[in-house]
């Protein structure tokens, strides 16, 4: 569609701890990297790219 307008919004979920027992020296806890979810929207449709990993992250995204 020529001239169609798209908008986008990025949500960054904070890091969450991992459950890995083996830790490198001087590292008290391993964390996942922050994850982003991007909403790309047009006039009538939208696409969510890279939904998050946990229900808590999804709830925050929905808010």
PDB file of N, CA and C in Angstrom:
ATOM      1  N   UNK A   1       0.827  -1.178   0.000  1.00  0.00           N
ATOM      2  CA  UNK A   1       0.000   0.000   0.000  1.00  0.00           C
ATOM      3  C   UNK A   1       0.873   1.244   0.000  1.00  0.00           C
ATOM      4  N   UNK A   2       0.883   1.982  -1.054  1.00  0.00           N
ATOM      5  CA  UNK A   2       1.654   3.225  -1.065  1.00  0.00           C
ATOM      6  C   UNK A   2       1.104   4.202  -0.035  1.00  0.00           C
ATOM      7  N   UNK A   3       1.993   4.806   0.699  1.00  0.00           N
ATOM      8  CA  UNK A   3       1.598   5.814   1.680  1.00  0.00           C
ATOM      9  C   UNK A   3       1.059   5.260   2.989  1.00  0.00           C
ATOM     10  N   UNK A   4       1.051   3.939   3.163  1.00  0.00           N
ATOM     11  CA  UNK A   4       0.571   3.361   4.419  1.00  0.00           C
ATOM     12  C   UNK A   4       1.500   3.770   5.555  1.00  0.00           C
ATOM     13  N   UNK A   5       0.913   4.133   6.677  1.00  0.00           N
ATOM     14  CA  UNK A   5       1.687   4.557   7.839  1.00  0.00           C
ATOM     15  C   UNK A   5       1.827   3.402   8.826  1.00  0.00           C
ATOM     16  N   UNK A   6       3.033   3.184   9.274  1.00  0.00           N
ATOM     17  CA  UNK A   6       3.293   2.192  10.308  1.00  0.00           C
ATOM     18  C   UNK A   6       3.833   2.893  11.536  1.00  0.00           C
ATOM     19  N   UNK A   7       3.494   2.359  12.692  1.00  0.00           N
ATOM     20  CA  UNK A   7       4.077   2.845  13.934  1.00  0.00           C
ATOM     21  C   UNK A   7       4.706   1.645  14.637  1.00  0.00           C
ATOM     22  N   UNK A   8       5.592   1.926  15.557  1.00  0.00           N
ATOM     23  CA  UNK A   8       6.223   0.840  16.297  1.00  0.00           C
ATOM     24  C   UNK A   8       6.452   1.282  17.726  1.00  0.00           C
ATOM     25  N   UNK A   9       6.457   0.306  18.610  1.00  0.00           N
ATOM     26  CA  UNK A   9       6.698   0.538  20.030  1.00  0.00           C
ATOM     27  C   UNK A   9       7.530  -0.622  20.547  1.00  0.00           C
ATOM     28  N   UNK A  10       8.549  -0.322  21.333  1.00  0.00           N
ATOM     29  CA  UNK A  10       9.443  -1.354  21.856  1.00  0.00           C
ATOM     30  C   UNK A  10       9.311  -1.417  23.376  1.00  0.00           C
ATOM     31  N   UNK A  11       9.140  -2.617  23.893  1.00  0.00           N
ATOM     32  CA  UNK A  11       9.088  -2.865  25.335  1.00  0.00           C
ATOM     33  C   UNK A  11      10.333  -3.667  25.706  1.00  0.00           C
ATOM     34  N   UNK A  12      11.058  -3.226  26.721  1.00  0.00           N
ATOM     35  CA  UNK A  12      12.247  -3.948  27.186  1.00  0.00           C
ATOM     36  C   UNK A  12      11.924  -4.579  28.542  1.00  0.00           C
ATOM     37  N   UNK A  13      11.937  -5.895  28.580  1.00  0.00           N
ATOM     38  CA  UNK A  13      11.706  -6.612  29.837  1.00  0.00           C
ATOM     39  C   UNK A  13      13.015  -6.651  30.617  1.00  0.00           C
ATOM     40  N   UNK A  14      12.960  -6.452  31.929  1.00  0.00           N
ATOM     41  CA  UNK A  14      14.191  -6.495  32.717  1.00  0.00           C
ATOM     42  C   UNK A  14      14.808  -7.892  32.754  1.00  0.00           C
ATOM     43  N   UNK A  15      16.064  -7.945  33.115  1.00  0.00           N
ATOM     44  CA  UNK A  15      16.764  -9.233  33.261  1.00  0.00           C
ATOM     45  C   UNK A  15      16.100 -10.066  34.330  1.00  0.00           C
ATOM     46  N   UNK A  16      16.149 -11.391  34.147  1.00  0.00           N
ATOM     47  CA  UNK A  16      15.649 -12.313  35.168  1.00  0.00           C
ATOM     48  C   UNK A  16      16.755 -13.307  35.489  1.00  0.00           C
ATOM     49  N   UNK A  17      16.787 -13.813  36.728  1.00  0.00           N
ATOM     50  CA  UNK A  17      17.851 -14.752  37.103  1.00  0.00           C
ATOM     51  C   UNK A  17      17.689 -16.100  36.400  1.00  0.00           C
ATOM     52  N   UNK A  18      18.802 -16.758  36.155  1.00  0.00           N
ATOM     53  CA  UNK A  18      18.794 -18.113  35.618  1.00  0.00           C
ATOM     54  C   UNK A  18      18.909 -19.092  36.776  1.00  0.00           C
ATOM     55  N   UNK A  19      18.704 -20.338  36.507  1.00  0.00           N
ATOM     56  CA  UNK A  19      18.790 -21.384  37.534  1.00  0.00           C
ATOM     57  C   UNK A  19      20.001 -22.275  37.285  1.00  0.00           C
ATOM     58  N   UNK A  20      21.117 -21.705  36.916  1.00  0.00           N
ATOM     59  CA  UNK A  20      22.336 -22.456  36.644  1.00  0.00           C
ATOM     60  C   UNK A  20      23.149 -22.565  37.933  1.00  0.00           C
ATOM     61  N   UNK A  21      23.463 -23.786  38.316  1.00  0.00           N
ATOM     62  CA  UNK A  21      24.188 -24.004  39.572  1.00  0.00           C
ATOM     63  C   UNK A  21      25.663 -23.648  39.451  1.00  0.00           C
ATOM     64  N   UNK A  22      26.249 -23.875  38.286  1.00  0.00           N
ATOM     65  CA  UNK A  22      27.673 -23.609  38.104  1.00  0.00           C
ATOM     66  C   UNK A  22      27.886 -22.129  37.772  1.00  0.00           C
ATOM     67  N   UNK A  23      28.617 -21.448  38.634  1.00  0.00           N
ATOM     68  CA  UNK A  23      28.867 -20.026  38.435  1.00  0.00           C
ATOM     69  C   UNK A  23      30.351 -19.767  38.255  1.00  0.00           C
ATOM     70  N   UNK A  24      30.701 -18.810  37.406  1.00  0.00           N
ATOM     71  CA  UNK A  24      32.103 -18.429  37.304  1.00  0.00           C
ATOM     72  C   UNK A  24      32.565 -17.786  38.618  1.00  0.00           C
ATOM     73  N   UNK A  25      33.862 -17.747  38.858  1.00  0.00           N
ATOM     74  CA  UNK A  25      34.364 -17.106  40.077  1.00  0.00           C
ATOM     75  C   UNK A  25      33.901 -15.652  40.150  1.00  0.00           C
ATOM     76  N   UNK A  26      33.578 -15.199  41.347  1.00  0.00           N
ATOM     77  CA  UNK A  26      33.189 -13.814  41.624  1.00  0.00           C
ATOM     78  C   UNK A  26      31.876 -13.394  40.961  1.00  0.00           C
ATOM     79  N   UNK A  27      31.038 -14.341  40.559  1.00  0.00           N
ATOM     80  CA  UNK A  27      29.719 -14.013  40.013  1.00  0.00           C
ATOM     81  C   UNK A  27      28.675 -14.638  40.938  1.00  0.00           C
ATOM     82  N   UNK A  28      27.960 -13.831  41.708  1.00  0.00           N
ATOM     83  CA  UNK A  28      27.019 -14.386  42.676  1.00  0.00           C
ATOM     84  C   UNK A  28      25.757 -14.972  42.042  1.00  0.00           C
ATOM     85  N   UNK A  29      25.394 -14.480  40.836  1.00  0.00           N
ATOM     86  CA  UNK A  29      24.166 -14.957  40.198  1.00  0.00           C
ATOM     87  C   UNK A  29      24.218 -14.640  38.711  1.00  0.00           C
ATOM     88  N   UNK A  30      23.814 -15.602  37.892  1.00  0.00           N
ATOM     89  CA  UNK A  30      23.729 -15.352  36.445  1.00  0.00           C
ATOM     90  C   UNK A  30      22.349 -14.811  36.111  1.00  0.00           C
ATOM     91  N   UNK A  31      22.308 -13.911  35.136  1.00  0.00           N
ATOM     92  CA  UNK A  31      21.049 -13.308  34.709  1.00  0.00           C
ATOM     93  C   UNK A  31      20.898 -13.474  33.198  1.00  0.00           C
ATOM     94  N   UNK A  32      19.651 -13.627  32.746  1.00  0.00           N
ATOM     95  CA  UNK A  32      19.373 -13.568  31.320  1.00  0.00           C
ATOM     96  C   UNK A  32      19.551 -12.131  30.869  1.00  0.00           C
ATOM     97  N   UNK A  33      19.909 -11.944  29.633  1.00  0.00           N
ATOM     98  CA  UNK A  33      19.964 -10.598  29.075  1.00  0.00           C
ATOM     99  C   UNK A  33      18.551 -10.035  28.987  1.00  0.00           C
ATOM    100  N   UNK A  34      18.403  -8.705  29.045  1.00  0.00           N
ATOM    101  CA  UNK A  34      17.065  -8.133  28.838  1.00  0.00           C
ATOM    102  C   UNK A  34      16.529  -8.547  27.464  1.00  0.00           C
ATOM    103  N   UNK A  35      15.230  -8.698  27.372  1.00  0.00           N
ATOM    104  CA  UNK A  35      14.580  -9.121  26.134  1.00  0.00           C
ATOM    105  C   UNK A  35      13.653  -8.002  25.681  1.00  0.00           C
ATOM    106  N   UNK A  36      13.556  -7.798  24.369  1.00  0.00           N
ATOM    107  CA  UNK A  36      12.646  -6.787  23.849  1.00  0.00           C
ATOM    108  C   UNK A  36      11.511  -7.439  23.070  1.00  0.00           C
ATOM    109  N   UNK A  37      10.376  -6.789  23.103  1.00  0.00           N
ATOM    110  CA  UNK A  37       9.236  -7.153  22.263  1.00  0.00           C
ATOM    111  C   UNK A  37       8.864  -5.886  21.499  1.00  0.00           C
ATOM    112  N   UNK A  38       8.605  -6.024  20.196  1.00  0.00           N
ATOM    113  CA  UNK A  38       8.290  -4.875  19.361  1.00  0.00           C
ATOM    114  C   UNK A  38       6.904  -5.052  18.759  1.00  0.00           C
ATOM    115  N   UNK A  39       6.064  -4.020  18.907  1.00  0.00           N
ATOM    116  CA  UNK A  39       4.744  -4.010  18.296  1.00  0.00           C
ATOM    117  C   UNK A  39       4.814  -3.091  17.082  1.00  0.00           C
ATOM    118  N   UNK A  40       4.523  -3.652  15.910  1.00  0.00           N
ATOM    119  CA  UNK A  40       4.481  -2.888  14.668  1.00  0.00           C
ATOM    120  C   UNK A  40       3.015  -2.820  14.267  1.00  0.00           C
ATOM    121  N   UNK A  41       2.494  -1.611  14.102  1.00  0.00           N
ATOM    122  CA  UNK A  41       1.061  -1.448  13.855  1.00  0.00           C
ATOM    123  C   UNK A  41       0.800  -0.574  12.642  1.00  0.00           C
ATOM    124  N   UNK A  42      -0.238  -0.951  11.915  1.00  0.00           N
ATOM    125  CA  UNK A  42      -0.744  -0.155  10.803  1.00  0.00           C
ATOM    126  C   UNK A  42      -2.120   0.356  11.164  1.00  0.00           C
ATOM    127  N   UNK A  43      -2.864   0.754  10.168  1.00  0.00           N
ATOM    128  CA  UNK A  43      -4.197   1.309  10.412  1.00  0.00           C
ATOM    129  C   UNK A  43      -5.152   0.280  11.003  1.00  0.00           C
ATOM    130  N   UNK A  44      -5.101  -0.971  10.516  1.00  0.00           N
ATOM    131  CA  UNK A  44      -6.038  -1.995  10.968  1.00  0.00           C
ATOM    132  C   UNK A  44      -5.387  -3.227  11.581  1.00  0.00           C
ATOM    133  N   UNK A  45      -4.114  -3.449  11.349  1.00  0.00           N
ATOM    134  CA  UNK A  45      -3.458  -4.683  11.787  1.00  0.00           C
ATOM    135  C   UNK A  45      -2.208  -4.359  12.599  1.00  0.00           C
ATOM    136  N   UNK A  46      -1.784  -5.345  13.381  1.00  0.00           N
ATOM    137  CA  UNK A  46      -0.552  -5.194  14.163  1.00  0.00           C
ATOM    138  C   UNK A  46       0.144  -6.545  14.257  1.00  0.00           C
ATOM    139  N   UNK A  47       1.459  -6.496  14.459  1.00  0.00           N
ATOM    140  CA  UNK A  47       2.272  -7.702  14.618  1.00  0.00           C
ATOM    141  C   UNK A  47       3.144  -7.512  15.851  1.00  0.00           C
ATOM    142  N   UNK A  48       3.139  -8.507  16.737  1.00  0.00           N
ATOM    143  CA  UNK A  48       4.032  -8.495  17.893  1.00  0.00           C
ATOM    144  C   UNK A  48       5.227  -9.372  17.556  1.00  0.00           C
ATOM    145  N   UNK A  49       6.411  -8.794  17.600  1.00  0.00           N
ATOM    146  CA  UNK A  49       7.640  -9.498  17.246  1.00  0.00           C
ATOM    147  C   UNK A  49       8.393  -9.838  18.526  1.00  0.00           C
ATOM    148  N   UNK A  50       8.803 -11.098  18.659  1.00  0.00           N
ATOM    149  CA  UNK A  50       9.573 -11.583  19.804  1.00  0.00           C
ATOM    150  C   UNK A  50       8.804 -11.453  21.118  1.00  0.00           C
ATOM    151  N   UNK A  51       7.754 -12.231  21.228  1.00  0.00           N
ATOM    152  CA  UNK A  51       7.025 -12.288  22.501  1.00  0.00           C
ATOM    153  C   UNK A  51       7.996 -12.742  23.593  1.00  0.00           C
ATOM    154  N   UNK A  52       7.718 -12.440  24.812  1.00  0.00           N
ATOM    155  CA  UNK A  52       8.661 -12.653  25.912  1.00  0.00           C
ATOM    156  C   UNK A  52       8.610 -14.083  26.441  1.00  0.00           C
ATOM    157  N   UNK A  53       9.401 -14.375  27.495  1.00  0.00           N
ATOM    158  CA  UNK A  53       9.601 -15.753  27.954  1.00  0.00           C
ATOM    159  C   UNK A  53       8.686 -16.200  29.087  1.00  0.00           C
ATOM    160  N   UNK A  54       8.300 -15.295  29.979  1.00  0.00           N
ATOM    161  CA  UNK A  54       7.530 -15.721  31.156  1.00  0.00           C
ATOM    162  C   UNK A  54       6.154 -15.060  31.170  1.00  0.00           C
ATOM    163  N   UNK A  55       5.243 -15.644  31.948  1.00  0.00           N
ATOM    164  CA  UNK A  55       3.902 -15.073  32.083  1.00  0.00           C
ATOM    165  C   UNK A  55       3.978 -13.678  32.712  1.00  0.00           C
ATOM    166  N   UNK A  56       4.855 -13.491  33.681  1.00  0.00           N
ATOM    167  CA  UNK A  56       5.012 -12.179  34.320  1.00  0.00           C
ATOM    168  C   UNK A  56       5.467 -11.132  33.301  1.00  0.00           C
ATOM    169  N   UNK A  57       6.425 -11.484  32.453  1.00  0.00           N
ATOM    170  CA  UNK A  57       6.870 -10.560  31.420  1.00  0.00           C
ATOM    171  C   UNK A  57       5.728 -10.240  30.457  1.00  0.00           C
ATOM    172  N   UNK A  58       4.935 -11.242  30.090  1.00  0.00           N
ATOM    173  CA  UNK A  58       3.810 -11.032  29.181  1.00  0.00           C
ATOM    174  C   UNK A  58       2.755 -10.116  29.814  1.00  0.00           C
ATOM    175  N   UNK A  59       2.512 -10.292  31.112  1.00  0.00           N
ATOM    176  CA  UNK A  59       1.559  -9.415  31.808  1.00  0.00           C
ATOM    177  C   UNK A  59       2.032  -7.964  31.782  1.00  0.00           C
ATOM    178  N   UNK A  60       3.314  -7.753  32.041  1.00  0.00           N
ATOM    179  CA  UNK A  60       3.847  -6.389  31.999  1.00  0.00           C
ATOM    180  C   UNK A  60       3.757  -5.811  30.599  1.00  0.00           C
ATOM    181  N   UNK A  61       4.008  -6.643  29.591  1.00  0.00           N
ATOM    182  CA  UNK A  61       3.908  -6.198  28.202  1.00  0.00           C
ATOM    183  C   UNK A  61       2.472  -5.785  27.891  1.00  0.00           C
ATOM    184  N   UNK A  62       1.510  -6.583  28.308  1.00  0.00           N
ATOM    185  CA  UNK A  62       0.100  -6.277  28.045  1.00  0.00           C
ATOM    186  C   UNK A  62      -0.331  -4.978  28.717  1.00  0.00           C
ATOM    187  N   UNK A  63       0.211  -4.723  29.906  1.00  0.00           N
ATOM    188  CA  UNK A  63      -0.127  -3.459  30.603  1.00  0.00           C
ATOM    189  C   UNK A  63       0.410  -2.280  29.831  1.00  0.00           C
TER     190      UNK A  63
END
